[in-house]
């Protein structure tokens, strides 16, 4: 088990509903190497993601958002 963890903020470009944010969160959490994904309805464009960079590349987070029909970019913490 790796103890290497990184945090990143994913900025989603589109205005999304609560359901769309839940779908993205579920897609992120179902991906190996992602330990946590959180958002707040008060800041609907931002997701904070905790992941293991030994298991998943940060650019794959954008791919996951794209698979949910969303455009996004990473904001480093």
PDB file of N, CA and C in Angstrom:
ATOM      1  N   UNK A   1       0.841  -1.174   0.000  1.00  0.00           N
ATOM      2  CA  UNK A   1       0.000   0.000   0.000  1.00  0.00           C
ATOM      3  C   UNK A   1       0.890   1.244   0.000  1.00  0.00           C
ATOM      4  N   UNK A   2       0.606   2.155  -0.892  1.00  0.00           N
ATOM      5  CA  UNK A   2       1.381   3.386  -1.000  1.00  0.00           C
ATOM      6  C   UNK A   2       0.906   4.399   0.038  1.00  0.00           C
ATOM      7  N   UNK A   3       1.835   5.160   0.570  1.00  0.00           N
ATOM      8  CA  UNK A   3       1.465   6.218   1.514  1.00  0.00           C
ATOM      9  C   UNK A   3       1.595   7.586   0.859  1.00  0.00           C
ATOM     10  N   UNK A   4       1.801   7.606  -0.450  1.00  0.00           N
ATOM     11  CA  UNK A   4       1.947   8.831  -1.196  1.00  0.00           C
ATOM     12  C   UNK A   4       0.558   9.368  -1.558  1.00  0.00           C
ATOM     13  N   UNK A   5       0.230  10.563  -1.071  1.00  0.00           N
ATOM     14  CA  UNK A   5      -1.070  11.150  -1.359  1.00  0.00           C
ATOM     15  C   UNK A   5      -0.880  12.599  -1.777  1.00  0.00           C
ATOM     16  N   UNK A   6      -1.695  13.016  -2.727  1.00  0.00           N
ATOM     17  CA  UNK A   6      -1.676  14.403  -3.185  1.00  0.00           C
ATOM     18  C   UNK A   6      -3.098  14.932  -3.202  1.00  0.00           C
ATOM     19  N   UNK A   7      -3.213  16.248  -3.060  1.00  0.00           N
ATOM     20  CA  UNK A   7      -4.502  16.926  -3.160  1.00  0.00           C
ATOM     21  C   UNK A   7      -4.455  17.852  -4.357  1.00  0.00           C
ATOM     22  N   UNK A   8      -5.579  17.958  -5.036  1.00  0.00           N
ATOM     23  CA  UNK A   8      -5.689  18.892  -6.137  1.00  0.00           C
ATOM     24  C   UNK A   8      -7.140  19.383  -6.186  1.00  0.00           C
ATOM     25  N   UNK A   9      -7.315  20.580  -6.697  1.00  0.00           N
ATOM     26  CA  UNK A   9      -8.654  21.102  -6.911  1.00  0.00           C
ATOM     27  C   UNK A   9      -8.955  21.021  -8.394  1.00  0.00           C
ATOM     28  N   UNK A  10     -10.104  20.462  -8.713  1.00  0.00           N
ATOM     29  CA  UNK A  10     -10.579  20.368 -10.080  1.00  0.00           C
ATOM     30  C   UNK A  10     -11.642  21.443 -10.271  1.00  0.00           C
ATOM     31  N   UNK A  11     -11.443  22.318 -11.234  1.00  0.00           N
ATOM     32  CA  UNK A  11     -12.422  23.359 -11.546  1.00  0.00           C
ATOM     33  C   UNK A  11     -13.254  22.898 -12.732  1.00  0.00           C
ATOM     34  N   UNK A  12     -14.565  22.780 -12.536  1.00  0.00           N
ATOM     35  CA  UNK A  12     -15.490  22.384 -13.597  1.00  0.00           C
ATOM     36  C   UNK A  12     -16.035  23.659 -14.237  1.00  0.00           C
ATOM     37  N   UNK A  13     -15.926  23.737 -15.561  1.00  0.00           N
ATOM     38  CA  UNK A  13     -16.307  24.959 -16.268  1.00  0.00           C
ATOM     39  C   UNK A  13     -17.815  25.191 -16.321  1.00  0.00           C
ATOM     40  N   UNK A  14     -18.584  24.126 -16.490  1.00  0.00           N
ATOM     41  CA  UNK A  14     -20.030  24.261 -16.671  1.00  0.00           C
ATOM     42  C   UNK A  14     -20.751  24.528 -15.357  1.00  0.00           C
ATOM     43  N   UNK A  15     -21.921  25.132 -15.474  1.00  0.00           N
ATOM     44  CA  UNK A  15     -22.845  25.201 -14.347  1.00  0.00           C
ATOM     45  C   UNK A  15     -23.491  23.824 -14.256  1.00  0.00           C
ATOM     46  N   UNK A  16     -23.412  23.210 -13.098  1.00  0.00           N
ATOM     47  CA  UNK A  16     -23.914  21.850 -12.934  1.00  0.00           C
ATOM     48  C   UNK A  16     -24.983  21.785 -11.859  1.00  0.00           C
ATOM     49  N   UNK A  17     -25.844  20.787 -12.003  1.00  0.00           N
ATOM     50  CA  UNK A  17     -26.850  20.525 -10.975  1.00  0.00           C
ATOM     51  C   UNK A  17     -26.209  19.681  -9.874  1.00  0.00           C
ATOM     52  N   UNK A  18     -26.909  19.563  -8.764  1.00  0.00           N
ATOM     53  CA  UNK A  18     -26.426  18.720  -7.672  1.00  0.00           C
ATOM     54  C   UNK A  18     -26.238  17.287  -8.166  1.00  0.00           C
ATOM     55  N   UNK A  19     -27.172  16.801  -8.965  1.00  0.00           N
ATOM     56  CA  UNK A  19     -27.083  15.441  -9.494  1.00  0.00           C
ATOM     57  C   UNK A  19     -25.865  15.238 -10.378  1.00  0.00           C
ATOM     58  N   UNK A  20     -25.538  16.225 -11.203  1.00  0.00           N
ATOM     59  CA  UNK A  20     -24.353  16.128 -12.048  1.00  0.00           C
ATOM     60  C   UNK A  20     -23.076  16.115 -11.209  1.00  0.00           C
ATOM     61  N   UNK A  21     -23.056  16.905 -10.136  1.00  0.00           N
ATOM     62  CA  UNK A  21     -21.899  16.898  -9.247  1.00  0.00           C
ATOM     63  C   UNK A  21     -21.771  15.548  -8.536  1.00  0.00           C
ATOM     64  N   UNK A  22     -22.885  14.973  -8.143  1.00  0.00           N
ATOM     65  CA  UNK A  22     -22.861  13.646  -7.515  1.00  0.00           C
ATOM     66  C   UNK A  22     -22.359  12.596  -8.502  1.00  0.00           C
ATOM     67  N   UNK A  23     -22.787  12.679  -9.759  1.00  0.00           N
ATOM     68  CA  UNK A  23     -22.321  11.725 -10.774  1.00  0.00           C
ATOM     69  C   UNK A  23     -20.809  11.814 -10.944  1.00  0.00           C
ATOM     70  N   UNK A  24     -20.273  13.036 -10.999  1.00  0.00           N
ATOM     71  CA  UNK A  24     -18.824  13.202 -11.125  1.00  0.00           C
ATOM     72  C   UNK A  24     -18.127  12.681  -9.882  1.00  0.00           C
ATOM     73  N   UNK A  25     -18.637  13.001  -8.724  1.00  0.00           N
ATOM     74  CA  UNK A  25     -18.035  12.517  -7.469  1.00  0.00           C
ATOM     75  C   UNK A  25     -18.002  10.994  -7.445  1.00  0.00           C
ATOM     76  N   UNK A  26     -19.104  10.359  -7.835  1.00  0.00           N
ATOM     77  CA  UNK A  26     -19.164   8.895  -7.856  1.00  0.00           C
ATOM     78  C   UNK A  26     -18.171   8.316  -8.862  1.00  0.00           C
ATOM     79  N   UNK A  27     -18.039   8.950 -10.023  1.00  0.00           N
ATOM     80  CA  UNK A  27     -17.080   8.484 -11.034  1.00  0.00           C
ATOM     81  C   UNK A  27     -15.657   8.598 -10.497  1.00  0.00           C
ATOM     82  N   UNK A  28     -15.366   9.686  -9.816  1.00  0.00           N
ATOM     83  CA  UNK A  28     -14.034   9.859  -9.239  1.00  0.00           C
ATOM     84  C   UNK A  28     -13.762   8.797  -8.179  1.00  0.00           C
ATOM     85  N   UNK A  29     -14.710   8.606  -7.269  1.00  0.00           N
ATOM     86  CA  UNK A  29     -14.501   7.673  -6.163  1.00  0.00           C
ATOM     87  C   UNK A  29     -14.440   6.216  -6.615  1.00  0.00           C
ATOM     88  N   UNK A  30     -14.984   5.922  -7.773  1.00  0.00           N
ATOM     89  CA  UNK A  30     -14.935   4.545  -8.268  1.00  0.00           C
ATOM     90  C   UNK A  30     -13.632   4.250  -9.006  1.00  0.00           C
ATOM     91  N   UNK A  31     -12.753   5.238  -9.089  1.00  0.00           N
ATOM     92  CA  UNK A  31     -11.485   5.091  -9.791  1.00  0.00           C
ATOM     93  C   UNK A  31     -10.385   4.693  -8.817  1.00  0.00           C
ATOM     94  N   UNK A  32      -9.649   3.649  -9.171  1.00  0.00           N
ATOM     95  CA  UNK A  32      -8.546   3.187  -8.337  1.00  0.00           C
ATOM     96  C   UNK A  32      -7.514   4.299  -8.168  1.00  0.00           C
ATOM     97  N   UNK A  33      -7.093   4.516  -6.943  1.00  0.00           N
ATOM     98  CA  UNK A  33      -6.092   5.531  -6.641  1.00  0.00           C
ATOM     99  C   UNK A  33      -6.677   6.832  -6.115  1.00  0.00           C
ATOM    100  N   UNK A  34      -7.995   6.981  -6.185  1.00  0.00           N
ATOM    101  CA  UNK A  34      -8.638   8.181  -5.634  1.00  0.00           C
ATOM    102  C   UNK A  34      -9.234   7.813  -4.285  1.00  0.00           C
ATOM    103  N   UNK A  35      -8.765   8.513  -3.239  1.00  0.00           N
ATOM    104  CA  UNK A  35      -9.221   8.220  -1.892  1.00  0.00           C
ATOM    105  C   UNK A  35     -10.404   9.074  -1.465  1.00  0.00           C
ATOM    106  N   UNK A  36     -10.485  10.309  -1.977  1.00  0.00           N
ATOM    107  CA  UNK A  36     -11.565  11.203  -1.568  1.00  0.00           C
ATOM    108  C   UNK A  36     -11.855  12.190  -2.681  1.00  0.00           C
ATOM    109  N   UNK A  37     -13.112  12.593  -2.761  1.00  0.00           N
ATOM    110  CA  UNK A  37     -13.538  13.633  -3.703  1.00  0.00           C
ATOM    111  C   UNK A  37     -14.692  14.367  -3.040  1.00  0.00           C
ATOM    112  N   UNK A  38     -14.547  15.668  -2.904  1.00  0.00           N
ATOM    113  CA  UNK A  38     -15.563  16.442  -2.191  1.00  0.00           C
ATOM    114  C   UNK A  38     -15.863  17.739  -2.928  1.00  0.00           C
ATOM    115  N   UNK A  39     -17.097  18.187  -2.772  1.00  0.00           N
ATOM    116  CA  UNK A  39     -17.525  19.480  -3.309  1.00  0.00           C
ATOM    117  C   UNK A  39     -18.538  20.065  -2.338  1.00  0.00           C
ATOM    118  N   UNK A  40     -18.810  21.330  -2.503  1.00  0.00           N
ATOM    119  CA  UNK A  40     -19.833  22.003  -1.711  1.00  0.00           C
ATOM    120  C   UNK A  40     -20.773  22.710  -2.679  1.00  0.00           C
ATOM    121  N   UNK A  41     -22.061  22.603  -2.441  1.00  0.00           N
ATOM    122  CA  UNK A  41     -23.036  23.229  -3.333  1.00  0.00           C
ATOM    123  C   UNK A  41     -22.861  24.746  -3.394  1.00  0.00           C
ATOM    124  N   UNK A  42     -22.237  25.336  -2.371  1.00  0.00           N
ATOM    125  CA  UNK A  42     -22.014  26.786  -2.364  1.00  0.00           C
ATOM    126  C   UNK A  42     -20.935  27.192  -3.372  1.00  0.00           C
ATOM    127  N   UNK A  43     -20.044  26.267  -3.727  1.00  0.00           N
ATOM    128  CA  UNK A  43     -18.982  26.507  -4.714  1.00  0.00           C
ATOM    129  C   UNK A  43     -19.033  25.361  -5.728  1.00  0.00           C
ATOM    130  N   UNK A  44     -20.059  25.368  -6.575  1.00  0.00           N
ATOM    131  CA  UNK A  44     -20.349  24.200  -7.415  1.00  0.00           C
ATOM    132  C   UNK A  44     -19.315  23.896  -8.497  1.00  0.00           C
ATOM    133  N   UNK A  45     -18.403  24.789  -8.759  1.00  0.00           N
ATOM    134  CA  UNK A  45     -17.406  24.553  -9.799  1.00  0.00           C
ATOM    135  C   UNK A  45     -16.154  23.850  -9.269  1.00  0.00           C
ATOM    136  N   UNK A  46     -16.034  23.694  -7.944  1.00  0.00           N
ATOM    137  CA  UNK A  46     -14.787  23.195  -7.364  1.00  0.00           C
ATOM    138  C   UNK A  46     -14.953  21.826  -6.707  1.00  0.00           C
ATOM    139  N   UNK A  47     -14.036  20.923  -7.035  1.00  0.00           N
ATOM    140  CA  UNK A  47     -13.936  19.613  -6.398  1.00  0.00           C
ATOM    141  C   UNK A  47     -12.541  19.488  -5.812  1.00  0.00           C
ATOM    142  N   UNK A  48     -12.439  19.059  -4.572  1.00  0.00           N
ATOM    143  CA  UNK A  48     -11.142  18.767  -3.968  1.00  0.00           C
ATOM    144  C   UNK A  48     -10.978  17.254  -4.001  1.00  0.00           C
ATOM    145  N   UNK A  49      -9.868  16.816  -4.584  1.00  0.00           N
ATOM    146  CA  UNK A  49      -9.643  15.390  -4.802  1.00  0.00           C
ATOM    147  C   UNK A  49      -8.337  14.982  -4.136  1.00  0.00           C
ATOM    148  N   UNK A  50      -8.389  13.902  -3.383  1.00  0.00           N
ATOM    149  CA  UNK A  50      -7.195  13.320  -2.773  1.00  0.00           C
ATOM    150  C   UNK A  50      -6.908  12.014  -3.498  1.00  0.00           C
ATOM    151  N   UNK A  51      -5.695  11.878  -4.004  1.00  0.00           N
ATOM    152  CA  UNK A  51      -5.363  10.715  -4.818  1.00  0.00           C
ATOM    153  C   UNK A  51      -3.926  10.279  -4.598  1.00  0.00           C
ATOM    154  N   UNK A  52      -3.640   9.075  -5.054  1.00  0.00           N
ATOM    155  CA  UNK A  52      -2.301   8.502  -4.969  1.00  0.00           C
ATOM    156  C   UNK A  52      -1.641   8.642  -6.341  1.00  0.00           C
ATOM    157  N   UNK A  53      -0.656   9.534  -6.474  1.00  0.00           N
ATOM    158  CA  UNK A  53      -0.026   9.736  -7.785  1.00  0.00           C
ATOM    159  C   UNK A  53       0.779   8.535  -8.275  1.00  0.00           C
ATOM    160  N   UNK A  54       1.009   7.553  -7.414  1.00  0.00           N
ATOM    161  CA  UNK A  54       1.657   6.322  -7.850  1.00  0.00           C
ATOM    162  C   UNK A  54       0.676   5.418  -8.605  1.00  0.00           C
ATOM    163  N   UNK A  55      -0.625   5.676  -8.416  1.00  0.00           N
ATOM    164  CA  UNK A  55      -1.652   4.833  -9.037  1.00  0.00           C
ATOM    165  C   UNK A  55      -2.415   5.540 -10.152  1.00  0.00           C
ATOM    166  N   UNK A  56      -2.493   6.865 -10.109  1.00  0.00           N
ATOM    167  CA  UNK A  56      -3.266   7.604 -11.101  1.00  0.00           C
ATOM    168  C   UNK A  56      -2.576   8.933 -11.385  1.00  0.00           C
ATOM    169  N   UNK A  57      -2.534   9.301 -12.642  1.00  0.00           N
ATOM    170  CA  UNK A  57      -1.948  10.565 -13.058  1.00  0.00           C
ATOM    171  C   UNK A  57      -3.000  11.654 -12.919  1.00  0.00           C
ATOM    172  N   UNK A  58      -2.604  12.829 -12.488  1.00  0.00           N
ATOM    173  CA  UNK A  58      -3.570  13.908 -12.270  1.00  0.00           C
ATOM    174  C   UNK A  58      -4.331  14.274 -13.545  1.00  0.00           C
ATOM    175  N   UNK A  59      -3.723  14.106 -14.708  1.00  0.00           N
ATOM    176  CA  UNK A  59      -4.429  14.420 -15.953  1.00  0.00           C
ATOM    177  C   UNK A  59      -5.615  13.479 -16.183  1.00  0.00           C
ATOM    178  N   UNK A  60      -5.577  12.309 -15.558  1.00  0.00           N
ATOM    179  CA  UNK A  60      -6.695  11.376 -15.672  1.00  0.00           C
ATOM    180  C   UNK A  60      -7.944  11.912 -14.975  1.00  0.00           C
ATOM    181  N   UNK A  61      -7.770  12.821 -14.020  1.00  0.00           N
ATOM    182  CA  UNK A  61      -8.921  13.415 -13.346  1.00  0.00           C
ATOM    183  C   UNK A  61      -9.738  14.247 -14.338  1.00  0.00           C
ATOM    184  N   UNK A  62      -9.053  14.937 -15.218  1.00  0.00           N
ATOM    185  CA  UNK A  62      -9.733  15.710 -16.268  1.00  0.00           C
ATOM    186  C   UNK A  62     -10.460  14.751 -17.208  1.00  0.00           C
ATOM    187  N   UNK A  63      -9.848  13.621 -17.520  1.00  0.00           N
ATOM    188  CA  UNK A  63     -10.482  12.625 -18.384  1.00  0.00           C
ATOM    189  C   UNK A  63     -11.761  12.078 -17.758  1.00  0.00           C
ATOM    190  N   UNK A  64     -11.750  11.892 -16.452  1.00  0.00           N
ATOM    191  CA  UNK A  64     -12.945  11.403 -15.757  1.00  0.00           C
ATOM    192  C   UNK A  64     -14.061  12.432 -15.869  1.00  0.00           C
ATOM    193  N   UNK A  65     -13.726  13.703 -15.654  1.00  0.00           N
ATOM    194  CA  UNK A  65     -14.737  14.756 -15.798  1.00  0.00           C
ATOM    195  C   UNK A  65     -15.275  14.775 -17.223  1.00  0.00           C
ATOM    196  N   UNK A  66     -14.380  14.630 -18.195  1.00  0.00           N
ATOM    197  CA  UNK A  66     -14.790  14.630 -19.607  1.00  0.00           C
ATOM    198  C   UNK A  66     -15.736  13.472 -19.893  1.00  0.00           C
ATOM    199  N   UNK A  67     -15.480  12.314 -19.273  1.00  0.00           N
ATOM    200  CA  UNK A  67     -16.357  11.159 -19.473  1.00  0.00           C
ATOM    201  C   UNK A  67     -17.751  11.418 -18.900  1.00  0.00           C
ATOM    202  N   UNK A  68     -17.852  12.382 -18.005  1.00  0.00           N
ATOM    203  CA  UNK A  68     -19.140  12.791 -17.441  1.00  0.00           C
ATOM    204  C   UNK A  68     -19.740  13.963 -18.216  1.00  0.00           C
ATOM    205  N   UNK A  69     -19.099  14.339 -19.320  1.00  0.00           N
ATOM    206  CA  UNK A  69     -19.611  15.426 -20.150  1.00  0.00           C
ATOM    207  C   UNK A  69     -19.226  16.809 -19.659  1.00  0.00           C
ATOM    208  N   UNK A  70     -18.162  16.904 -18.849  1.00  0.00           N
ATOM    209  CA  UNK A  70     -17.785  18.180 -18.255  1.00  0.00           C
ATOM    210  C   UNK A  70     -16.366  18.578 -18.670  1.00  0.00           C
ATOM    211  N   UNK A  71     -16.177  19.849 -18.898  1.00  0.00           N
ATOM    212  CA  UNK A  71     -14.855  20.409 -19.153  1.00  0.00           C
ATOM    213  C   UNK A  71     -14.278  20.899 -17.838  1.00  0.00           C
ATOM    214  N   UNK A  72     -12.971  20.700 -17.648  1.00  0.00           N
ATOM    215  CA  UNK A  72     -12.385  21.069 -16.362  1.00  0.00           C
ATOM    216  C   UNK A  72     -10.900  21.326 -16.522  1.00  0.00           C
ATOM    217  N   UNK A  73     -10.321  21.884 -15.459  1.00  0.00           N
ATOM    218  CA  UNK A  73      -8.873  22.046 -15.373  1.00  0.00           C
ATOM    219  C   UNK A  73      -8.464  21.885 -13.921  1.00  0.00           C
ATOM    220  N   UNK A  74      -7.184  21.556 -13.724  1.00  0.00           N
ATOM    221  CA  UNK A  74      -6.659  21.357 -12.384  1.00  0.00           C
ATOM    222  C   UNK A  74      -6.118  22.661 -11.812  1.00  0.00           C
ATOM    223  N   UNK A  75      -6.326  22.830 -10.516  1.00  0.00           N
ATOM    224  CA  UNK A  75      -5.775  23.957  -9.773  1.00  0.00           C
ATOM    225  C   UNK A  75      -4.976  23.343  -8.638  1.00  0.00           C
ATOM    226  N   UNK A  76      -3.675  23.473  -8.637  1.00  0.00           N
ATOM    227  CA  UNK A  76      -2.842  22.864  -7.600  1.00  0.00           C
ATOM    228  C   UNK A  76      -3.032  23.531  -6.251  1.00  0.00           C
ATOM    229  N   UNK A  77      -2.888  22.744  -5.189  1.00  0.00           N
ATOM    230  CA  UNK A  77      -2.987  23.284  -3.829  1.00  0.00           C
ATOM    231  C   UNK A  77      -1.612  23.564  -3.282  1.00  0.00           C
TER     232      UNK A  77
END
